[in-house]
Amino acid sequence: MKAITLRNLPPELTRIIRQKADEQHASINKVVISLLEKSVGVRRKKGEVTLHHDLDALAGTWTREEAAAFNRALTRQRAIDPDLWRR
């Protein structure tokens, strides 16, 4: 089958598809095919790379203060307790 026509797509679905296309710098057609493949469990052709964007929404969202607080917490967790390492 070469083409499918979809009618009466809900506005929210249309908005999400367009948003995904913009985020992925892909055509609406490619995004819809990708979504259909994922929903039915079809794998891509051998050798094709699947890009995952699971954490993209989090990247670059912290303020400098939040990042500094996170780094301070990591520093405390990475501290070595000398009493635990005595023999």
C-alpha atoms as a PDB file:
ATOM      1  CA  MET A   1       0.000   0.000   0.000  1.00  0.00           C
ATOM      2  CA  LYS A   2       1.538   3.297  -1.023  1.00  0.00           C
ATOM      3  CA  ALA A   3      -0.820   5.850   0.478  1.00  0.00           C
ATOM      4  CA  ILE A   4      -3.427   6.197   3.186  1.00  0.00           C
ATOM      5  CA  THR A   5      -5.728   9.164   3.617  1.00  0.00           C
ATOM      6  CA  LEU A   6      -6.744  10.042   7.144  1.00  0.00           C
ATOM      7  CA  ARG A   7      -9.768  12.228   7.693  1.00  0.00           C
ATOM      8  CA  ASN A   8     -11.081  14.066  10.711  1.00  0.00           C
ATOM      9  CA  LEU A   9      -7.912  13.882  12.800  1.00  0.00           C
ATOM     10  CA  PRO A  10      -8.558  15.390  16.210  1.00  0.00           C
ATOM     11  CA  PRO A  11      -6.928  18.822  16.546  1.00  0.00           C
ATOM     12  CA  GLU A  12      -4.826  17.704  19.531  1.00  0.00           C
ATOM     13  CA  LEU A  13      -3.439  14.749  17.554  1.00  0.00           C
ATOM     14  CA  THR A  14      -2.634  17.021  14.618  1.00  0.00           C
ATOM     15  CA  ARG A  15      -0.855  19.447  16.942  1.00  0.00           C
ATOM     16  CA  ILE A  16       1.240  16.679  18.521  1.00  0.00           C
ATOM     17  CA  ILE A  17       2.240  15.204  15.163  1.00  0.00           C
ATOM     18  CA  ARG A  18       3.308  18.620  13.862  1.00  0.00           C
ATOM     19  CA  GLN A  19       5.220  19.293  17.078  1.00  0.00           C
ATOM     20  CA  LYS A  20       7.082  15.966  16.812  1.00  0.00           C
ATOM     21  CA  ALA A  21       7.924  16.708  13.179  1.00  0.00           C
ATOM     22  CA  ASP A  22       9.360  20.096  14.174  1.00  0.00           C
ATOM     23  CA  GLU A  23      11.337  18.608  17.076  1.00  0.00           C
ATOM     24  CA  GLN A  24      12.779  15.835  14.915  1.00  0.00           C
ATOM     25  CA  HIS A  25      13.323  18.070  11.884  1.00  0.00           C
ATOM     26  CA  ALA A  26      11.362  15.491   9.894  1.00  0.00           C
ATOM     27  CA  SER A  27       8.376  15.503   7.595  1.00  0.00           C
ATOM     28  CA  ILE A  28       4.915  14.835   8.955  1.00  0.00           C
ATOM     29  CA  ASN A  29       4.829  11.726   6.760  1.00  0.00           C
ATOM     30  CA  LYS A  30       7.993  10.309   8.363  1.00  0.00           C
ATOM     31  CA  VAL A  31       6.715  11.054  11.853  1.00  0.00           C
ATOM     32  CA  VAL A  32       3.375   9.344  11.195  1.00  0.00           C
ATOM     33  CA  ILE A  33       5.134   6.276   9.736  1.00  0.00           C
ATOM     34  CA  SER A  34       7.447   6.148  12.756  1.00  0.00           C
ATOM     35  CA  LEU A  35       4.527   6.402  15.180  1.00  0.00           C
ATOM     36  CA  LEU A  36       2.658   3.648  13.337  1.00  0.00           C
ATOM     37  CA  GLU A  37       5.747   1.406  13.316  1.00  0.00           C
ATOM     38  CA  LYS A  38       6.220   1.860  17.048  1.00  0.00           C
ATOM     39  CA  SER A  39       2.562   1.292  17.859  1.00  0.00           C
ATOM     40  CA  VAL A  40       2.382  -2.031  16.002  1.00  0.00           C
ATOM     41  CA  GLY A  41       5.873  -3.211  16.905  1.00  0.00           C
ATOM     42  CA  VAL A  42       7.360  -3.185  13.413  1.00  0.00           C
ATOM     43  CA  ARG A  43      11.134  -2.886  13.330  1.00  0.00           C
ATOM     44  CA  ARG A  44      12.972  -0.626  10.970  1.00  0.00           C
ATOM     45  CA  LYS A  45      15.099  -1.999   8.149  1.00  0.00           C
ATOM     46  CA  LYS A  46      18.400  -3.567   9.114  1.00  0.00           C
ATOM     47  CA  GLY A  47      21.153  -1.001   9.443  1.00  0.00           C
ATOM     48  CA  GLU A  48      18.857   1.961  10.118  1.00  0.00           C
ATOM     49  CA  VAL A  49      19.578   3.870  13.289  1.00  0.00           C
ATOM     50  CA  THR A  50      16.740   4.641  15.666  1.00  0.00           C
ATOM     51  CA  LEU A  51      17.173   7.923  17.500  1.00  0.00           C
ATOM     52  CA  HIS A  52      15.692   8.196  20.962  1.00  0.00           C
ATOM     53  CA  HIS A  53      14.615  11.487  22.449  1.00  0.00           C
ATOM     54  CA  ASP A  54      13.466  10.259  25.841  1.00  0.00           C
ATOM     55  CA  LEU A  55      15.313  12.874  27.888  1.00  0.00           C
ATOM     56  CA  ASP A  56      15.454  15.746  25.424  1.00  0.00           C
ATOM     57  CA  ALA A  57      12.831  17.687  27.354  1.00  0.00           C
ATOM     58  CA  LEU A  58      15.134  17.749  30.383  1.00  0.00           C
ATOM     59  CA  ALA A  59      18.304  18.887  28.654  1.00  0.00           C
ATOM     60  CA  GLY A  60      19.198  22.479  29.382  1.00  0.00           C
ATOM     61  CA  THR A  61      16.215  23.160  31.626  1.00  0.00           C
ATOM     62  CA  TRP A  62      18.007  23.701  34.941  1.00  0.00           C
ATOM     63  CA  THR A  63      18.970  27.118  36.154  1.00  0.00           C
ATOM     64  CA  ARG A  64      22.596  27.703  37.159  1.00  0.00           C
ATOM     65  CA  GLU A  65      21.529  27.523  40.796  1.00  0.00           C
ATOM     66  CA  GLU A  66      19.758  24.180  40.299  1.00  0.00           C
ATOM     67  CA  ALA A  67      22.775  22.741  38.477  1.00  0.00           C
ATOM     68  CA  ALA A  68      25.105  23.953  41.240  1.00  0.00           C
ATOM     69  CA  ALA A  69      22.877  22.392  43.927  1.00  0.00           C
ATOM     70  CA  PHE A  70      22.864  19.111  42.008  1.00  0.00           C
ATOM     71  CA  ASN A  71      26.659  19.143  41.705  1.00  0.00           C
ATOM     72  CA  ARG A  72      27.008  19.852  45.441  1.00  0.00           C
ATOM     73  CA  ALA A  73      24.766  16.880  46.215  1.00  0.00           C
ATOM     74  CA  LEU A  74      26.859  14.652  43.942  1.00  0.00           C
ATOM     75  CA  THR A  75      30.051  15.813  45.613  1.00  0.00           C
ATOM     76  CA  ARG A  76      28.675  14.831  49.028  1.00  0.00           C
ATOM     77  CA  GLN A  77      27.627  11.405  47.694  1.00  0.00           C
ATOM     78  CA  ARG A  78      31.048  10.773  46.185  1.00  0.00           C
ATOM     79  CA  ALA A  79      32.929  11.518  49.386  1.00  0.00           C
ATOM     80  CA  ILE A  80      34.834   8.501  50.717  1.00  0.00           C
ATOM     81  CA  ASP A  81      34.355   7.632  54.365  1.00  0.00           C
ATOM     82  CA  PRO A  82      37.841   6.568  55.575  1.00  0.00           C
ATOM     83  CA  ASP A  83      36.345   4.463  58.393  1.00  0.00           C
ATOM     84  CA  LEU A  84      34.591   2.272  55.858  1.00  0.00           C
ATOM     85  CA  TRP A  85      37.835   1.584  53.990  1.00  0.00           C
ATOM     86  CA  ARG A  86      40.055   0.583  56.888  1.00  0.00           C
ATOM     87  CA  ARG A  87      41.366  -2.949  57.005  1.00  0.00           C
END
